[in-house]
Amino acid sequence: MDFSFDKELVLENEAVLLRPLRESDLDALLPIATQDPQLLRYSLAPIHSRELLTTYLQKAAENRRNKIRYSLIVFDKRANAYAGVTCLLSISNPDERLEIGGTWYGRDFHRTGLNRHCKFLLLDYAFGYLGAKRVEFKTDERNTVSRTAIQKIGGQQEGILRNHTLLYDGFRRNTVYYSILDCEWQAIRDRFAGWGIGK
C-alpha cells in the first residue's frame, strides 16, 4: 500500500465531493459546527465555537504535516452545501491498513444517505486504489448511531477496549473496534450498489 499525505486527494460521485480540509474552510464549516454543542459529544475535541473550530482546523493541518491524520471536508452536491468532515488515520503502508473515522456532519445532513456515499468513496479508494487489506473503524461504545451505521455498511465488530480514551469532558470511553477486510469488500460493494451507490 502506498498512501501519500502529500497528495491532494479528491474523491467524488454524483452525490458528494471529498477534498483536503484546509484552515481556510473555517467559514464554510462554522454554521454547522456551531449549530449544536452536542454534535461531537463522543469525540476528542469540541468544535461549537469559532475559537474551538479554529483550533480543530489548525490541529488537522498539523496532523497532516506530521503524517498522522488526513482530514477531508465533505461537500453535499445535492444540497449544494458543505456538510462536515471525515478522515483517514492510523495509516500503516507496510501493514496495508488504515482507519476511516473522525467523521461528523451537521444535523441537517443526518439520515440523508450522505454518510453512505462518503463511506463508499473512502472504502473504494482504500481497497480498489490503494490495495488495502484491512480498513478499521472505531467509536464510543455509547454512540449507538455510529455503531449502527458502521454495522449497516458491513463493519464487523472485533471487540471493546475498556477505559480506552480520555475525552475532553474528562470521561474515559470504552472504544468499540470494527473492521472490513479486502476479501469482504466485493460483497459489501454489491450492498452499496443495491442502495444505488457505486454502480
Protein backbone atom coordinates (compact mmCIF):
# COMPACT_ATOMS: atom_id res chain seq x y z
CA MET A 1 0.00 0.00 0.00
CA ASP A 2 1.30 3.46 -0.81
CA PHE A 3 -0.81 6.19 0.76
CA SER A 4 0.74 9.65 0.45
CA PHE A 5 -0.04 12.51 2.83
CA ASP A 6 1.42 14.89 0.23
CA LYS A 7 -1.15 14.04 -2.43
CA GLU A 8 -4.15 16.34 -2.86
CA LEU A 9 -6.80 13.65 -2.59
CA VAL A 10 -10.15 14.39 -4.25
CA LEU A 11 -12.91 11.77 -4.32
CA GLU A 12 -16.38 12.32 -5.73
CA ASN A 13 -19.52 10.81 -7.17
CA GLU A 14 -22.91 12.22 -8.14
CA ALA A 15 -23.82 12.99 -4.51
CA VAL A 16 -20.68 14.06 -2.66
CA LEU A 17 -17.22 15.53 -3.07
CA LEU A 18 -14.36 14.98 -0.64
CA ARG A 19 -11.25 17.14 -0.75
CA PRO A 20 -8.45 18.01 1.70
CA LEU A 21 -9.56 20.08 4.68
CA ARG A 22 -7.88 23.49 4.94
CA GLU A 23 -7.71 26.12 7.65
CA SER A 24 -9.47 28.47 5.21
CA ASP A 25 -12.59 26.25 5.47
CA LEU A 26 -13.49 27.89 8.79
CA ASP A 27 -16.38 29.99 7.46
CA ALA A 28 -17.77 27.10 5.39
CA LEU A 29 -17.96 24.83 8.46
CA LEU A 30 -18.76 27.34 11.19
CA PRO A 31 -22.57 27.42 10.71
CA ILE A 32 -22.93 23.64 11.08
CA ALA A 33 -20.25 23.29 13.77
CA THR A 34 -21.93 25.88 16.00
CA GLN A 35 -25.49 24.68 15.36
CA ASP A 36 -25.41 22.07 18.13
CA PRO A 37 -22.92 21.98 21.05
CA GLN A 38 -23.64 18.24 21.42
CA LEU A 39 -22.67 17.44 17.82
CA LEU A 40 -19.30 15.96 18.81
CA ARG A 41 -20.22 14.80 22.32
CA TYR A 42 -18.48 11.45 21.76
CA SER A 43 -15.36 12.92 20.18
CA LEU A 44 -11.98 14.02 21.45
CA ALA A 45 -12.46 17.76 20.97
CA PRO A 46 -15.45 20.14 20.76
CA ILE A 47 -15.96 22.47 17.75
CA HIS A 48 -19.04 24.51 18.69
CA SER A 49 -17.44 27.99 18.63
CA ARG A 50 -15.24 29.93 16.21
CA GLU A 51 -12.28 29.54 18.56
CA LEU A 52 -12.77 25.79 19.03
CA LEU A 53 -13.26 25.20 15.31
CA THR A 54 -10.17 27.28 14.51
CA THR A 55 -8.14 25.11 16.88
CA TYR A 56 -9.64 21.97 15.29
CA LEU A 57 -8.64 23.12 11.79
CA GLN A 58 -5.14 24.07 12.92
CA LYS A 59 -4.71 20.64 14.52
CA ALA A 60 -5.96 18.95 11.35
CA ALA A 61 -3.35 20.79 9.28
CA GLU A 62 -0.63 19.88 11.80
CA ASN A 63 -1.70 16.22 11.78
CA ARG A 64 -1.45 16.07 8.00
CA ARG A 65 2.01 17.66 8.02
CA ASN A 66 3.09 15.13 10.66
CA LYS A 67 1.54 12.24 8.68
CA ILE A 68 -0.86 11.33 11.50
CA ARG A 69 -4.31 12.06 10.04
CA TYR A 70 -5.59 13.16 6.64
CA SER A 71 -8.80 15.18 7.04
CA LEU A 72 -11.28 15.76 4.23
CA ILE A 73 -14.09 18.28 4.01
CA VAL A 74 -17.42 16.85 2.82
CA PHE A 75 -19.45 18.73 0.21
CA ASP A 76 -23.03 17.55 -0.37
CA LYS A 77 -23.69 18.11 -4.08
CA ARG A 78 -27.43 17.55 -3.76
CA ALA A 79 -27.76 20.21 -1.06
CA ASN A 80 -25.02 22.36 -2.63
CA ALA A 81 -23.52 22.83 0.82
CA TYR A 82 -20.59 21.80 2.97
CA ALA A 83 -21.74 19.10 5.37
CA GLY A 84 -18.84 18.19 7.67
CA VAL A 85 -15.54 16.34 7.85
CA THR A 86 -14.24 12.79 7.56
CA CYS A 87 -10.70 11.44 7.98
CA LEU A 88 -8.19 8.75 7.11
CA LEU A 89 -5.97 7.88 10.06
CA SER A 90 -3.95 5.09 11.69
CA ILE A 91 -2.41 4.62 8.25
CA SER A 92 0.20 1.87 8.00
CA ASN A 93 1.51 1.33 4.48
CA PRO A 94 3.69 -1.66 5.48
CA ASP A 95 0.69 -3.36 7.12
CA GLU A 96 -1.65 -2.35 4.25
CA ARG A 97 -4.29 -0.93 6.57
CA LEU A 98 -5.92 2.33 7.57
CA GLU A 99 -8.81 3.67 9.60
CA ILE A 100 -11.80 5.71 8.45
CA GLY A 101 -13.00 7.92 11.27
CA GLY A 102 -13.20 11.34 12.83
CA THR A 103 -16.42 11.82 10.87
CA TRP A 104 -19.03 14.45 11.69
CA TYR A 105 -21.87 16.05 9.75
CA GLY A 106 -24.22 18.91 10.55
CA ARG A 107 -27.62 17.81 11.83
CA ASP A 108 -29.35 18.64 8.53
CA PHE A 109 -27.21 16.00 6.78
CA HIS A 110 -28.04 13.13 9.10
CA ARG A 111 -30.21 10.34 7.64
CA THR A 112 -29.90 11.71 4.10
CA GLY A 113 -27.69 8.95 2.66
CA LEU A 114 -24.68 11.27 2.65
CA ASN A 115 -22.67 9.08 5.02
CA ARG A 116 -23.10 6.01 2.82
CA HIS A 117 -21.84 7.92 -0.21
CA CYS A 118 -18.80 9.13 1.78
CA LYS A 119 -18.02 5.70 3.16
CA PHE A 120 -18.32 4.12 -0.29
CA LEU A 121 -15.85 6.59 -1.80
CA LEU A 122 -13.36 6.04 1.02
CA LEU A 123 -13.69 2.26 1.06
CA ASP A 124 -13.45 2.02 -2.73
CA TYR A 125 -10.34 4.20 -2.62
CA ALA A 126 -8.79 2.10 0.16
CA PHE A 127 -9.49 -1.30 -1.34
CA GLY A 128 -9.75 -0.52 -5.06
CA TYR A 129 -6.96 2.02 -5.46
CA LEU A 130 -4.58 1.61 -2.52
CA GLY A 131 -4.93 -2.15 -2.27
CA ALA A 132 -5.57 -2.11 1.47
CA LYS A 133 -6.06 -5.45 3.18
CA ARG A 134 -7.95 -4.01 6.14
CA VAL A 135 -9.99 -0.90 6.94
CA GLU A 136 -10.76 -0.11 10.58
CA PHE A 137 -13.46 1.90 12.32
CA LYS A 138 -13.75 2.75 15.99
CA THR A 139 -16.33 4.58 18.04
CA ASP A 140 -17.53 5.29 21.56
CA GLU A 141 -19.46 2.34 22.99
CA ARG A 142 -22.32 4.74 23.85
CA ASN A 143 -22.59 6.08 20.29
CA THR A 144 -25.36 3.79 19.04
CA VAL A 145 -25.97 5.88 15.90
CA SER A 146 -22.37 5.49 14.76
CA ARG A 147 -22.27 1.81 15.69
CA THR A 148 -25.44 1.10 13.73
CA ALA A 149 -24.11 2.96 10.68
CA ILE A 150 -20.83 1.00 10.73
CA GLN A 151 -22.67 -2.31 11.05
CA LYS A 152 -25.08 -1.45 8.21
CA ILE A 153 -22.24 -0.95 5.75
CA GLY A 154 -20.67 -4.27 6.75
CA GLY A 155 -18.24 -3.46 9.55
CA GLN A 156 -17.56 -6.48 11.74
CA GLN A 157 -17.25 -5.81 15.46
CA GLU A 158 -13.95 -7.11 16.81
CA GLY A 159 -14.09 -6.09 20.44
CA ILE A 160 -14.38 -3.37 23.04
CA LEU A 161 -11.33 -1.75 24.58
CA ARG A 162 -12.34 -0.74 28.09
CA ASN A 163 -11.48 2.65 29.59
CA HIS A 164 -9.62 3.32 26.34
CA THR A 165 -9.76 7.05 25.52
CA LEU A 166 -9.96 10.21 27.59
CA LEU A 167 -12.49 12.70 26.18
CA TYR A 168 -12.35 16.48 26.51
CA ASP A 169 -15.01 16.44 29.26
CA GLY A 170 -12.95 14.07 31.42
CA PHE A 171 -14.98 10.95 30.60
CA ARG A 172 -12.99 7.80 29.80
CA ARG A 173 -14.76 5.99 27.00
CA ASN A 174 -14.89 2.34 26.05
CA THR A 175 -13.95 2.11 22.37
CA VAL A 176 -15.59 -0.39 20.01
CA TYR A 177 -13.44 -1.63 17.12
CA TYR A 178 -14.82 -2.74 13.75
CA SER A 179 -13.16 -3.76 10.51
CA ILE A 180 -13.74 -4.67 6.88
CA LEU A 181 -11.23 -6.93 5.11
CA ASP A 182 -10.33 -6.90 1.44
CA CYS A 183 -11.84 -10.37 0.97
CA GLU A 184 -15.18 -8.95 2.20
CA TRP A 185 -15.15 -5.82 0.09
CA GLN A 186 -16.78 -7.15 -3.11
CA ALA A 187 -19.87 -8.40 -1.25
CA ILE A 188 -20.06 -5.10 0.64
CA ARG A 189 -19.58 -3.18 -2.61
CA ASP A 190 -22.56 -5.08 -4.03
CA ARG A 191 -24.56 -3.98 -0.97
CA PHE A 192 -23.76 -0.35 -1.79
CA ALA A 193 -24.86 -0.97 -5.37
CA GLY A 194 -28.19 -2.19 -4.00
CA TRP A 195 -28.52 1.25 -2.40
CA GLY A 196 -27.82 2.85 -5.78
CA ILE A 197 -24.22 3.78 -4.87
CA GLY A 198 -21.17 2.87 -6.95
CA LYS A 199 -22.94 1.03 -9.74
